Structures are given as C-alpha cells and as structure tokens.
Amino acid sequence: MLTVADVDRTIDFYQRVLGMEARKVRSSVLARPDRSSVCTSATPIGT
C-alpha cells in the first residue's frame, strides 16, 4: 500500500527524470540540423 508521501516522492522523481530527458532532447534537437528524425523519436506519450 502506497502512502501519499510515497506517491509524492515518486511523482517528484519522475518529474525530475522527465525534465532532464526533455532538456537532453531539446539540446540534441538544437544541435542537430535534421530535426525530423529527432521529432519522431521524441514524440510525447499519448499522441
């Protein structure tokens, strides 16, 4: 059984991880001239 604190910690952890990934993807998009290949591999979940 998860407590509210556990859920909060997990959400916080995933937000940090996803934030780092998003920054990495964004910098690789900016550094790379062919944007289309990056965009296809980095489509957000749910689209």
Protein backbone atom coordinates (compact mmCIF):
# COMPACT_ATOMS: atom_id res chain seq x y z
CA MET A 1 0.00 0.00 0.00
CA LEU A 2 1.46 3.33 -1.06
CA THR A 3 1.16 6.34 1.19
CA VAL A 4 0.60 9.84 -0.11
CA ALA A 5 4.22 10.69 0.71
CA ASP A 6 5.43 7.74 -1.41
CA VAL A 7 3.32 8.89 -4.34
CA ASP A 8 4.57 12.45 -3.98
CA ARG A 9 8.17 11.25 -3.89
CA THR A 10 7.62 9.07 -6.94
CA ILE A 11 5.95 11.88 -8.91
CA ASP A 12 8.74 14.27 -7.91
CA PHE A 13 11.35 11.74 -9.02
CA TYR A 14 9.70 11.15 -12.39
CA GLN A 15 9.24 14.87 -13.00
CA ARG A 16 12.97 15.37 -12.37
CA VAL A 17 13.89 12.49 -14.68
CA LEU A 18 11.50 13.58 -17.42
CA GLY A 19 12.68 17.17 -17.06
CA MET A 20 16.27 16.06 -17.62
CA GLU A 21 15.24 13.95 -20.60
CA ALA A 22 13.29 16.84 -22.11
CA ARG A 23 16.29 19.14 -21.75
CA LYS A 24 18.52 16.50 -23.35
CA VAL A 25 16.12 16.04 -26.26
CA ARG A 26 15.77 19.79 -26.71
CA SER A 27 19.53 20.34 -26.79
CA SER A 28 20.01 17.47 -29.24
CA VAL A 29 17.28 18.95 -31.46
CA LEU A 30 19.02 22.33 -31.39
CA ALA A 31 22.42 20.79 -32.05
CA ARG A 32 21.24 18.69 -34.98
CA PRO A 33 20.28 20.08 -38.41
CA ASP A 34 17.91 17.23 -39.35
CA ARG A 35 15.05 17.89 -36.95
CA SER A 36 12.60 15.34 -38.31
CA SER A 37 14.44 12.26 -37.07
CA VAL A 38 14.65 13.71 -33.57
CA CYS A 39 10.99 14.69 -33.52
CA THR A 40 9.81 11.22 -34.49
CA SER A 41 11.85 9.54 -31.76
CA ALA A 42 10.82 12.09 -29.14
CA THR A 43 7.06 12.20 -29.62
CA PRO A 44 5.27 12.66 -26.30
CA ILE A 45 3.32 9.76 -24.85
CA GLY A 46 -0.39 10.00 -25.55
CA THR A 47 -0.26 11.38 -29.06
